[in-house]
Amino acid sequence: MKKQWLIGNWKMHGNLASNKALIDGIRAELPQPDERAALVVCPAFPYLFQLAELTRDSGIGVGVQNVSDHLQGAYTGETSPLMVKELGGSYAIIGHSERRQYQGENDGLMGRKALAAIDAGLIPVICVGETAEERDSGRTHEVLARQLDAAFGYIRTAHDKIILAYEPRWAIGTGIAATPEIVQTEHEFLRQRIAIRDKEFAAKLPIIYGGSVKVSNAVSIFSMPDVDGGLIGSAALNAKEFITIYRELLQTIPAE
């Protein structure tokens, strides 16, 4: 059975005290994650080492929200994925819609960052998704195909471990979640597109959904056949809500 994933993106929130309180709250709500579904938190860069220490022996994974596409060199202000690995990180979110929007990141850079993360021993969480204008004009699949092809132009599918996240940009931070039917349609398209390159890889690839996931809609989204979990934003900043969503995810996993 394919493993499920719940990944919390803390974005630019947190401080030493609130980070500890949040992890303490998560661990109180869930002393140990279920082996069928991974639980991961991605704090802001300065708190990576703190989170690695707070989650030690907890079963909770730790990642970051961005990495450089270079492993080392004269790249002022950048963070190498090797540094993330050394400080206890295991995951890296790549190509999030907010970085595309505010930092101007493009598809090719996303692919290079994903490859650098893989080469450093991290698991990249590669984000793809369309804007409201692109969806309204009927170009969703054109956009998703372009983004996927750019990323997989760098990634060696047969050997690399990745997570793919569909996060429609019109649903990020808006409170408007895609319907379960929309999520399933786009996840199915993504899996079929990847299967053109590698059917076996596509079948086992985790594809998670990000975009205003809440307790109220988690089960309906996670129950879709091509949805393997969620990339959670604001709800990940509340321990009780985050773990409730995690338990909702567990409910959707078929019995063996």
C-alpha atoms as a PDB file:
ATOM      1  CA  MET A   1       0.000   0.000   0.000  1.00  0.00           C
ATOM      2  CA  LYS A   2       1.273   3.464  -0.924  1.00  0.00           C
ATOM      3  CA  LYS A   3       2.215   5.646   2.058  1.00  0.00           C
ATOM      4  CA  GLN A   4       0.118   8.764   2.712  1.00  0.00           C
ATOM      5  CA  TRP A   5       1.538  12.173   3.625  1.00  0.00           C
ATOM      6  CA  LEU A   6       0.518  15.219   5.649  1.00  0.00           C
ATOM      7  CA  ILE A   7       2.994  18.087   5.339  1.00  0.00           C
ATOM      8  CA  GLY A   8       2.648  21.351   7.239  1.00  0.00           C
ATOM      9  CA  ASN A   9       4.014  24.485   5.556  1.00  0.00           C
ATOM     10  CA  TRP A  10       4.477  27.050   8.325  1.00  0.00           C
ATOM     11  CA  LYS A  11       5.439  29.767   5.815  1.00  0.00           C
ATOM     12  CA  MET A  12       6.932  32.881   7.487  1.00  0.00           C
ATOM     13  CA  HIS A  13       5.384  32.241  10.881  1.00  0.00           C
ATOM     14  CA  GLY A  14       6.828  31.252  14.223  1.00  0.00           C
ATOM     15  CA  ASN A  15       9.457  32.076  16.819  1.00  0.00           C
ATOM     16  CA  LEU A  16      11.416  29.992  19.295  1.00  0.00           C
ATOM     17  CA  ALA A  17       8.657  29.996  21.896  1.00  0.00           C
ATOM     18  CA  SER A  18       5.680  29.446  19.593  1.00  0.00           C
ATOM     19  CA  ASN A  19       7.510  26.732  17.628  1.00  0.00           C
ATOM     20  CA  LYS A  20       8.102  24.771  20.818  1.00  0.00           C
ATOM     21  CA  ALA A  21       4.513  25.246  21.927  1.00  0.00           C
ATOM     22  CA  LEU A  22       3.226  24.032  18.555  1.00  0.00           C
ATOM     23  CA  ILE A  23       5.412  20.913  18.505  1.00  0.00           C
ATOM     24  CA  ASP A  24       4.577  20.190  22.142  1.00  0.00           C
ATOM     25  CA  GLY A  25       0.920  20.478  21.199  1.00  0.00           C
ATOM     26  CA  ILE A  26       1.296  18.178  18.184  1.00  0.00           C
ATOM     27  CA  ARG A  27       3.129  15.565  20.243  1.00  0.00           C
ATOM     28  CA  ALA A  28       0.523  15.777  22.994  1.00  0.00           C
ATOM     29  CA  GLU A  29      -2.259  15.228  20.445  1.00  0.00           C
ATOM     30  CA  LEU A  30      -0.326  12.479  18.632  1.00  0.00           C
ATOM     31  CA  PRO A  31       2.452  10.819  20.640  1.00  0.00           C
ATOM     32  CA  GLN A  32       3.566   8.820  17.585  1.00  0.00           C
ATOM     33  CA  PRO A  33       2.473   9.067  13.918  1.00  0.00           C
ATOM     34  CA  ASP A  34       0.829   6.057  12.313  1.00  0.00           C
ATOM     35  CA  GLU A  35       3.225   4.119  10.063  1.00  0.00           C
ATOM     36  CA  ARG A  36       0.695   4.360   7.200  1.00  0.00           C
ATOM     37  CA  ALA A  37       0.907   8.157   6.997  1.00  0.00           C
ATOM     38  CA  ALA A  38       3.966  10.372   7.402  1.00  0.00           C
ATOM     39  CA  LEU A  39       3.688  13.636   9.341  1.00  0.00           C
ATOM     40  CA  VAL A  40       6.091  16.429   8.305  1.00  0.00           C
ATOM     41  CA  VAL A  41       6.534  20.065   9.374  1.00  0.00           C
ATOM     42  CA  CYS A  42       8.365  22.716   7.344  1.00  0.00           C
ATOM     43  CA  PRO A  43       9.364  25.756   9.439  1.00  0.00           C
ATOM     44  CA  ALA A  44      11.105  28.913   8.273  1.00  0.00           C
ATOM     45  CA  PHE A  45      14.844  28.390   7.675  1.00  0.00           C
ATOM     46  CA  PRO A  46      16.197  29.931  10.905  1.00  0.00           C
ATOM     47  CA  TYR A  47      14.283  27.371  12.976  1.00  0.00           C
ATOM     48  CA  LEU A  48      15.336  24.217  11.137  1.00  0.00           C
ATOM     49  CA  PHE A  49      17.826  23.094  13.787  1.00  0.00           C
ATOM     50  CA  GLN A  50      15.381  23.875  16.603  1.00  0.00           C
ATOM     51  CA  LEU A  51      12.670  21.785  14.941  1.00  0.00           C
ATOM     52  CA  ALA A  52      15.076  18.931  14.274  1.00  0.00           C
ATOM     53  CA  GLU A  53      15.854  18.869  17.996  1.00  0.00           C
ATOM     54  CA  LEU A  54      12.223  19.231  19.106  1.00  0.00           C
ATOM     55  CA  THR A  55      11.085  16.351  16.892  1.00  0.00           C
ATOM     56  CA  ARG A  56      13.961  13.984  17.651  1.00  0.00           C
ATOM     57  CA  ASP A  57      12.661  10.414  18.126  1.00  0.00           C
ATOM     58  CA  SER A  58       9.069  11.623  17.613  1.00  0.00           C
ATOM     59  CA  GLY A  59       8.413  10.142  14.175  1.00  0.00           C
ATOM     60  CA  ILE A  60       7.737  13.662  12.840  1.00  0.00           C
ATOM     61  CA  GLY A  61       9.722  14.621   9.743  1.00  0.00           C
ATOM     62  CA  VAL A  62      11.209  18.085   9.228  1.00  0.00           C
ATOM     63  CA  GLY A  63      11.713  19.988   5.994  1.00  0.00           C
ATOM     64  CA  VAL A  64      12.237  23.461   4.601  1.00  0.00           C
ATOM     65  CA  GLN A  65      10.231  25.692   2.296  1.00  0.00           C
ATOM     66  CA  ASN A  66      12.910  26.322  -0.316  1.00  0.00           C
ATOM     67  CA  VAL A  67      16.492  25.429  -1.263  1.00  0.00           C
ATOM     68  CA  SER A  68      19.097  26.615  -3.746  1.00  0.00           C
ATOM     69  CA  ASP A  69      19.618  24.824  -7.014  1.00  0.00           C
ATOM     70  CA  HIS A  70      23.346  24.736  -6.164  1.00  0.00           C
ATOM     71  CA  LEU A  71      25.036  22.506  -3.598  1.00  0.00           C
ATOM     72  CA  GLN A  72      27.747  25.065  -2.786  1.00  0.00           C
ATOM     73  CA  GLY A  73      29.466  28.161  -4.146  1.00  0.00           C
ATOM     74  CA  ALA A  74      29.354  31.944  -4.304  1.00  0.00           C
ATOM     75  CA  TYR A  75      25.576  32.342  -4.096  1.00  0.00           C
ATOM     76  CA  THR A  76      24.993  35.024  -1.473  1.00  0.00           C
ATOM     77  CA  GLY A  77      21.835  34.584   0.549  1.00  0.00           C
ATOM     78  CA  GLU A  78      21.088  31.081  -0.733  1.00  0.00           C
ATOM     79  CA  THR A  79      20.842  27.885   1.320  1.00  0.00           C
ATOM     80  CA  SER A  80      22.318  24.657   0.035  1.00  0.00           C
ATOM     81  CA  PRO A  81      20.241  21.493   0.372  1.00  0.00           C
ATOM     82  CA  LEU A  82      23.399  19.916   1.823  1.00  0.00           C
ATOM     83  CA  MET A  83      23.158  22.391   4.714  1.00  0.00           C
ATOM     84  CA  VAL A  84      19.513  21.453   5.226  1.00  0.00           C
ATOM     85  CA  LYS A  85      20.479  17.789   5.361  1.00  0.00           C
ATOM     86  CA  GLU A  86      23.289  18.428   7.844  1.00  0.00           C
ATOM     87  CA  LEU A  87      20.970  20.344  10.185  1.00  0.00           C
ATOM     88  CA  GLY A  88      18.420  17.558  10.307  1.00  0.00           C
ATOM     89  CA  GLY A  89      16.064  18.329   7.427  1.00  0.00           C
ATOM     90  CA  SER A  90      14.760  15.558   5.203  1.00  0.00           C
ATOM     91  CA  TYR A  91      12.339  17.374   2.877  1.00  0.00           C
ATOM     92  CA  ALA A  92      12.287  20.516   0.742  1.00  0.00           C
ATOM     93  CA  ILE A  93       9.237  22.234  -0.733  1.00  0.00           C
ATOM     94  CA  ILE A  94      10.091  23.219  -4.304  1.00  0.00           C
ATOM     95  CA  GLY A  95       8.296  25.715  -6.550  1.00  0.00           C
ATOM     96  CA  HIS A  96       5.547  26.789  -4.146  1.00  0.00           C
ATOM     97  CA  SER A  97       3.090  29.176  -5.786  1.00  0.00           C
ATOM     98  CA  GLU A  98       4.076  32.009  -3.433  1.00  0.00           C
ATOM     99  CA  ARG A  99       7.685  31.740  -4.556  1.00  0.00           C
ATOM    100  CA  ARG A 100       6.546  31.740  -8.166  1.00  0.00           C
ATOM    101  CA  GLN A 101       4.395  34.805  -7.503  1.00  0.00           C
ATOM    102  CA  TYR A 102       6.668  36.864  -5.248  1.00  0.00           C
ATOM    103  CA  GLN A 103      10.175  35.664  -6.136  1.00  0.00           C
ATOM    104  CA  GLY A 104       9.572  35.050  -9.834  1.00  0.00           C
ATOM    105  CA  GLU A 105      10.666  31.409  -9.788  1.00  0.00           C
ATOM    106  CA  ASN A 106      10.128  29.597 -13.085  1.00  0.00           C
ATOM    107  CA  ASP A 107       9.645  26.004 -14.176  1.00  0.00           C
ATOM    108  CA  GLY A 108      13.269  25.368 -15.096  1.00  0.00           C
ATOM    109  CA  LEU A 109      14.527  26.630 -11.732  1.00  0.00           C
ATOM    110  CA  MET A 110      12.026  24.314 -10.036  1.00  0.00           C
ATOM    111  CA  GLY A 111      13.515  21.338 -11.863  1.00  0.00           C
ATOM    112  CA  ARG A 112      17.088  22.300 -10.995  1.00  0.00           C
ATOM    113  CA  LYS A 113      16.190  22.797  -7.326  1.00  0.00           C
ATOM    114  CA  ALA A 114      14.461  19.427  -7.203  1.00  0.00           C
ATOM    115  CA  LEU A 115      17.535  17.733  -8.640  1.00  0.00           C
ATOM    116  CA  ALA A 116      19.847  19.512  -6.172  1.00  0.00           C
ATOM    117  CA  ALA A 117      17.617  18.440  -3.292  1.00  0.00           C
ATOM    118  CA  ILE A 118      17.692  14.827  -4.490  1.00  0.00           C
ATOM    119  CA  ASP A 119      21.465  14.919  -4.902  1.00  0.00           C
ATOM    120  CA  ALA A 120      21.771  16.146  -1.297  1.00  0.00           C
ATOM    121  CA  GLY A 121      19.633  13.290  -0.001  1.00  0.00           C
ATOM    122  CA  LEU A 122      16.437  15.276   0.544  1.00  0.00           C
ATOM    123  CA  ILE A 123      12.955  14.398  -0.675  1.00  0.00           C
ATOM    124  CA  PRO A 124      11.619  17.297  -2.762  1.00  0.00           C
ATOM    125  CA  VAL A 125       7.948  18.219  -2.523  1.00  0.00           C
ATOM    126  CA  ILE A 126       7.443  19.581  -6.031  1.00  0.00           C
ATOM    127  CA  CYS A 127       4.525  22.002  -6.334  1.00  0.00           C
ATOM    128  CA  VAL A 128       2.537  22.561  -9.513  1.00  0.00           C
ATOM    129  CA  GLY A 129      -0.680  24.447 -10.113  1.00  0.00           C
ATOM    130  CA  GLU A 130      -2.530  26.954 -12.242  1.00  0.00           C
ATOM    131  CA  THR A 131      -3.751  30.499 -11.624  1.00  0.00           C
ATOM    132  CA  ALA A 132      -7.422  31.480 -11.672  1.00  0.00           C
ATOM    133  CA  GLU A 133      -6.941  33.122 -15.077  1.00  0.00           C
ATOM    134  CA  GLU A 134      -5.312  29.995 -16.504  1.00  0.00           C
ATOM    135  CA  ARG A 135      -8.141  27.797 -15.214  1.00  0.00           C
ATOM    136  CA  ASP A 136     -10.854  30.165 -16.459  1.00  0.00           C
ATOM    137  CA  SER A 137      -9.295  30.194 -19.924  1.00  0.00           C
ATOM    138  CA  GLY A 138      -9.200  26.384 -20.093  1.00  0.00           C
ATOM    139  CA  ARG A 139      -5.412  26.098 -19.918  1.00  0.00           C
ATOM    140  CA  THR A 140      -5.081  24.099 -16.684  1.00  0.00           C
ATOM    141  CA  HIS A 141      -3.709  20.944 -18.300  1.00  0.00           C
ATOM    142  CA  GLU A 142      -1.438  22.926 -20.590  1.00  0.00           C
ATOM    143  CA  VAL A 143       0.081  24.655 -17.548  1.00  0.00           C
ATOM    144  CA  LEU A 144       0.397  21.477 -15.480  1.00  0.00           C
ATOM    145  CA  ALA A 145       2.009  19.625 -18.379  1.00  0.00           C
ATOM    146  CA  ARG A 146       4.524  22.434 -18.903  1.00  0.00           C
ATOM    147  CA  GLN A 147       5.442  22.500 -15.215  1.00  0.00           C
ATOM    148  CA  LEU A 148       5.759  18.722 -14.990  1.00  0.00           C
ATOM    149  CA  ASP A 149       7.811  18.421 -18.150  1.00  0.00           C
ATOM    150  CA  ALA A 150      10.210  21.102 -16.904  1.00  0.00           C
ATOM    151  CA  ALA A 151      10.707  19.361 -13.558  1.00  0.00           C
ATOM    152  CA  PHE A 152      10.994  15.854 -14.989  1.00  0.00           C
ATOM    153  CA  GLY A 153      13.461  17.071 -17.544  1.00  0.00           C
ATOM    154  CA  TYR A 154      15.940  17.038 -14.637  1.00  0.00           C
ATOM    155  CA  ILE A 155      14.687  14.181 -12.461  1.00  0.00           C
ATOM    156  CA  ARG A 156      15.679  10.555 -13.018  1.00  0.00           C
ATOM    157  CA  THR A 157      12.300   8.974 -12.321  1.00  0.00           C
ATOM    158  CA  ALA A 158      13.404   5.376 -11.980  1.00  0.00           C
ATOM    159  CA  HIS A 159      15.688   6.116  -9.033  1.00  0.00           C
ATOM    160  CA  ASP A 160      14.543   9.340  -7.373  1.00  0.00           C
ATOM    161  CA  LYS A 161      12.147   9.618  -4.459  1.00  0.00           C
ATOM    162  CA  ILE A 162       9.868  12.641  -4.702  1.00  0.00           C
ATOM    163  CA  ILE A 163       6.454  13.898  -3.646  1.00  0.00           C
ATOM    164  CA  LEU A 164       4.285  15.879  -6.048  1.00  0.00           C
ATOM    165  CA  ALA A 165       1.874  18.510  -4.720  1.00  0.00           C
ATOM    166  CA  TYR A 166      -1.003  19.920  -6.744  1.00  0.00           C
ATOM    167  CA  GLU A 167      -1.733  23.361  -5.341  1.00  0.00           C
ATOM    168  CA  PRO A 168      -3.990  25.495  -7.557  1.00  0.00           C
ATOM    169  CA  ARG A 169      -2.830  29.052  -7.052  1.00  0.00           C
ATOM    170  CA  TRP A 170      -6.415  30.297  -6.870  1.00  0.00           C
ATOM    171  CA  ALA A 171      -6.942  28.197  -3.726  1.00  0.00           C
ATOM    172  CA  ILE A 172      -3.782  29.184  -1.817  1.00  0.00           C
ATOM    173  CA  GLY A 173      -4.551  31.371   1.172  1.00  0.00           C
ATOM    174  CA  THR A 174      -7.975  32.277  -0.201  1.00  0.00           C
ATOM    175  CA  GLY A 175     -10.138  29.957   1.854  1.00  0.00           C
ATOM    176  CA  ILE A 176     -11.467  28.553  -1.432  1.00  0.00           C
ATOM    177  CA  ALA A 177     -10.630  24.875  -1.781  1.00  0.00           C
ATOM    178  CA  ALA A 178     -10.989  22.988  -5.020  1.00  0.00           C
ATOM    179  CA  THR A 179     -13.852  20.509  -4.984  1.00  0.00           C
ATOM    180  CA  PRO A 180     -12.889  16.860  -4.483  1.00  0.00           C
ATOM    181  CA  GLU A 181     -13.883  16.218  -8.099  1.00  0.00           C
ATOM    182  CA  ILE A 182     -11.542  18.949  -9.388  1.00  0.00           C
ATOM    183  CA  VAL A 183      -8.708  17.643  -7.219  1.00  0.00           C
ATOM    184  CA  GLN A 184      -9.201  14.091  -8.491  1.00  0.00           C
ATOM    185  CA  THR A 185      -9.361  15.225 -12.125  1.00  0.00           C
ATOM    186  CA  GLU A 186      -6.078  17.125 -11.885  1.00  0.00           C
ATOM    187  CA  HIS A 187      -4.295  14.453  -9.835  1.00  0.00           C
ATOM    188  CA  GLU A 188      -5.339  11.835 -12.370  1.00  0.00           C
ATOM    189  CA  PHE A 189      -4.029  14.023 -15.188  1.00  0.00           C
ATOM    190  CA  LEU A 190      -0.702  14.492 -13.381  1.00  0.00           C
ATOM    191  CA  ARG A 191      -0.295  10.761 -12.816  1.00  0.00           C
ATOM    192  CA  GLN A 192      -1.132   9.967 -16.431  1.00  0.00           C
ATOM    193  CA  ARG A 193       1.289  12.616 -17.669  1.00  0.00           C
ATOM    194  CA  ILE A 194       4.121  11.145 -15.610  1.00  0.00           C
ATOM    195  CA  ALA A 195       3.174   7.635 -16.752  1.00  0.00           C
ATOM    196  CA  ILE A 196       4.147   8.664 -20.276  1.00  0.00           C
ATOM    197  CA  ARG A 197       7.724   8.738 -18.971  1.00  0.00           C
ATOM    198  CA  ASP A 198       7.567   5.922 -16.419  1.00  0.00           C
ATOM    199  CA  LYS A 199       4.400   3.935 -15.647  1.00  0.00           C
ATOM    200  CA  GLU A 200       5.802   2.152 -12.611  1.00  0.00           C
ATOM    201  CA  PHE A 201       7.082   5.380 -11.096  1.00  0.00           C
ATOM    202  CA  ALA A 202       3.772   7.154 -11.741  1.00  0.00           C
ATOM    203  CA  ALA A 203       1.785   4.401 -10.040  1.00  0.00           C
ATOM    204  CA  LYS A 204       3.744   4.651  -6.788  1.00  0.00           C
ATOM    205  CA  LEU A 205       4.300   8.446  -6.820  1.00  0.00           C
ATOM    206  CA  PRO A 206       2.601  10.240  -3.897  1.00  0.00           C
ATOM    207  CA  ILE A 207       0.495  13.140  -5.206  1.00  0.00           C
ATOM    208  CA  ILE A 208      -0.816  15.362  -2.419  1.00  0.00           C
ATOM    209  CA  TYR A 209      -3.195  18.317  -2.518  1.00  0.00           C
ATOM    210  CA  GLY A 210      -2.580  21.798  -1.115  1.00  0.00           C
ATOM    211  CA  GLY A 211      -5.079  24.622  -1.046  1.00  0.00           C
ATOM    212  CA  SER A 212      -7.310  25.595   1.892  1.00  0.00           C
ATOM    213  CA  VAL A 213      -7.578  22.088   3.327  1.00  0.00           C
ATOM    214  CA  LYS A 214      -9.577  22.160   6.577  1.00  0.00           C
ATOM    215  CA  VAL A 215     -11.119  19.658   8.955  1.00  0.00           C
ATOM    216  CA  SER A 216     -14.451  20.212   7.215  1.00  0.00           C
ATOM    217  CA  ASN A 217     -13.242  19.138   3.749  1.00  0.00           C
ATOM    218  CA  ALA A 218     -10.294  16.834   4.527  1.00  0.00           C
ATOM    219  CA  VAL A 219     -12.096  13.491   4.295  1.00  0.00           C
ATOM    220  CA  SER A 220     -13.870  14.335   1.041  1.00  0.00           C
ATOM    221  CA  ILE A 221     -10.589  15.362  -0.608  1.00  0.00           C
ATOM    222  CA  PHE A 222      -8.404  12.608   0.851  1.00  0.00           C
ATOM    223  CA  SER A 223     -10.937   9.961  -0.176  1.00  0.00           C
ATOM    224  CA  MET A 224     -10.277  10.594  -3.867  1.00  0.00           C
ATOM    225  CA  PRO A 225      -8.382   7.660  -5.452  1.00  0.00           C
ATOM    226  CA  ASP A 226      -5.425   9.690  -6.747  1.00  0.00           C
ATOM    227  CA  VAL A 227      -4.981  11.847  -3.624  1.00  0.00           C
ATOM    228  CA  ASP A 228      -2.236  10.669  -1.274  1.00  0.00           C
ATOM    229  CA  GLY A 229      -2.460  13.332   1.436  1.00  0.00           C
ATOM    230  CA  GLY A 230      -2.161  17.062   1.857  1.00  0.00           C
ATOM    231  CA  LEU A 231       0.172  20.059   1.943  1.00  0.00           C
ATOM    232  CA  ILE A 232      -1.340  22.146   4.729  1.00  0.00           C
ATOM    233  CA  GLY A 233      -0.879  25.885   5.269  1.00  0.00           C
ATOM    234  CA  SER A 234      -2.715  27.843   7.961  1.00  0.00           C
ATOM    235  CA  ALA A 235      -4.283  24.763   9.582  1.00  0.00           C
ATOM    236  CA  ALA A 236      -0.767  23.435  10.275  1.00  0.00           C
ATOM    237  CA  LEU A 237      -0.220  26.279  12.745  1.00  0.00           C
ATOM    238  CA  ASN A 238      -2.862  24.890  15.093  1.00  0.00           C
ATOM    239  CA  ALA A 239      -1.817  21.621  16.730  1.00  0.00           C
ATOM    240  CA  LYS A 240      -5.315  20.332  17.366  1.00  0.00           C
ATOM    241  CA  GLU A 241      -6.559  21.157  13.870  1.00  0.00           C
ATOM    242  CA  PHE A 242      -3.442  19.759  12.190  1.00  0.00           C
ATOM    243  CA  ILE A 243      -3.695  16.456  14.032  1.00  0.00           C
ATOM    244  CA  THR A 244      -7.447  16.266  13.453  1.00  0.00           C
ATOM    245  CA  ILE A 245      -6.753  16.555   9.720  1.00  0.00           C
ATOM    246  CA  TYR A 246      -4.091  13.844  10.101  1.00  0.00           C
ATOM    247  CA  ARG A 247      -6.639  11.556  11.762  1.00  0.00           C
ATOM    248  CA  GLU A 248      -9.103  12.311   8.974  1.00  0.00           C
ATOM    249  CA  LEU A 249      -6.423  11.222   6.507  1.00  0.00           C
ATOM    250  CA  LEU A 250      -5.986   7.944   8.380  1.00  0.00           C
ATOM    251  CA  GLN A 251      -9.740   7.302   8.095  1.00  0.00           C
ATOM    252  CA  THR A 252      -9.511   7.338   4.310  1.00  0.00           C
ATOM    253  CA  ILE A 253      -6.788   4.659   4.116  1.00  0.00           C
ATOM    254  CA  PRO A 254      -8.360   1.328   3.097  1.00  0.00           C
ATOM    255  CA  ALA A 255      -7.932  -1.602   5.432  1.00  0.00           C
ATOM    256  CA  GLU A 256      -5.361  -4.112   4.206  1.00  0.00           C
END
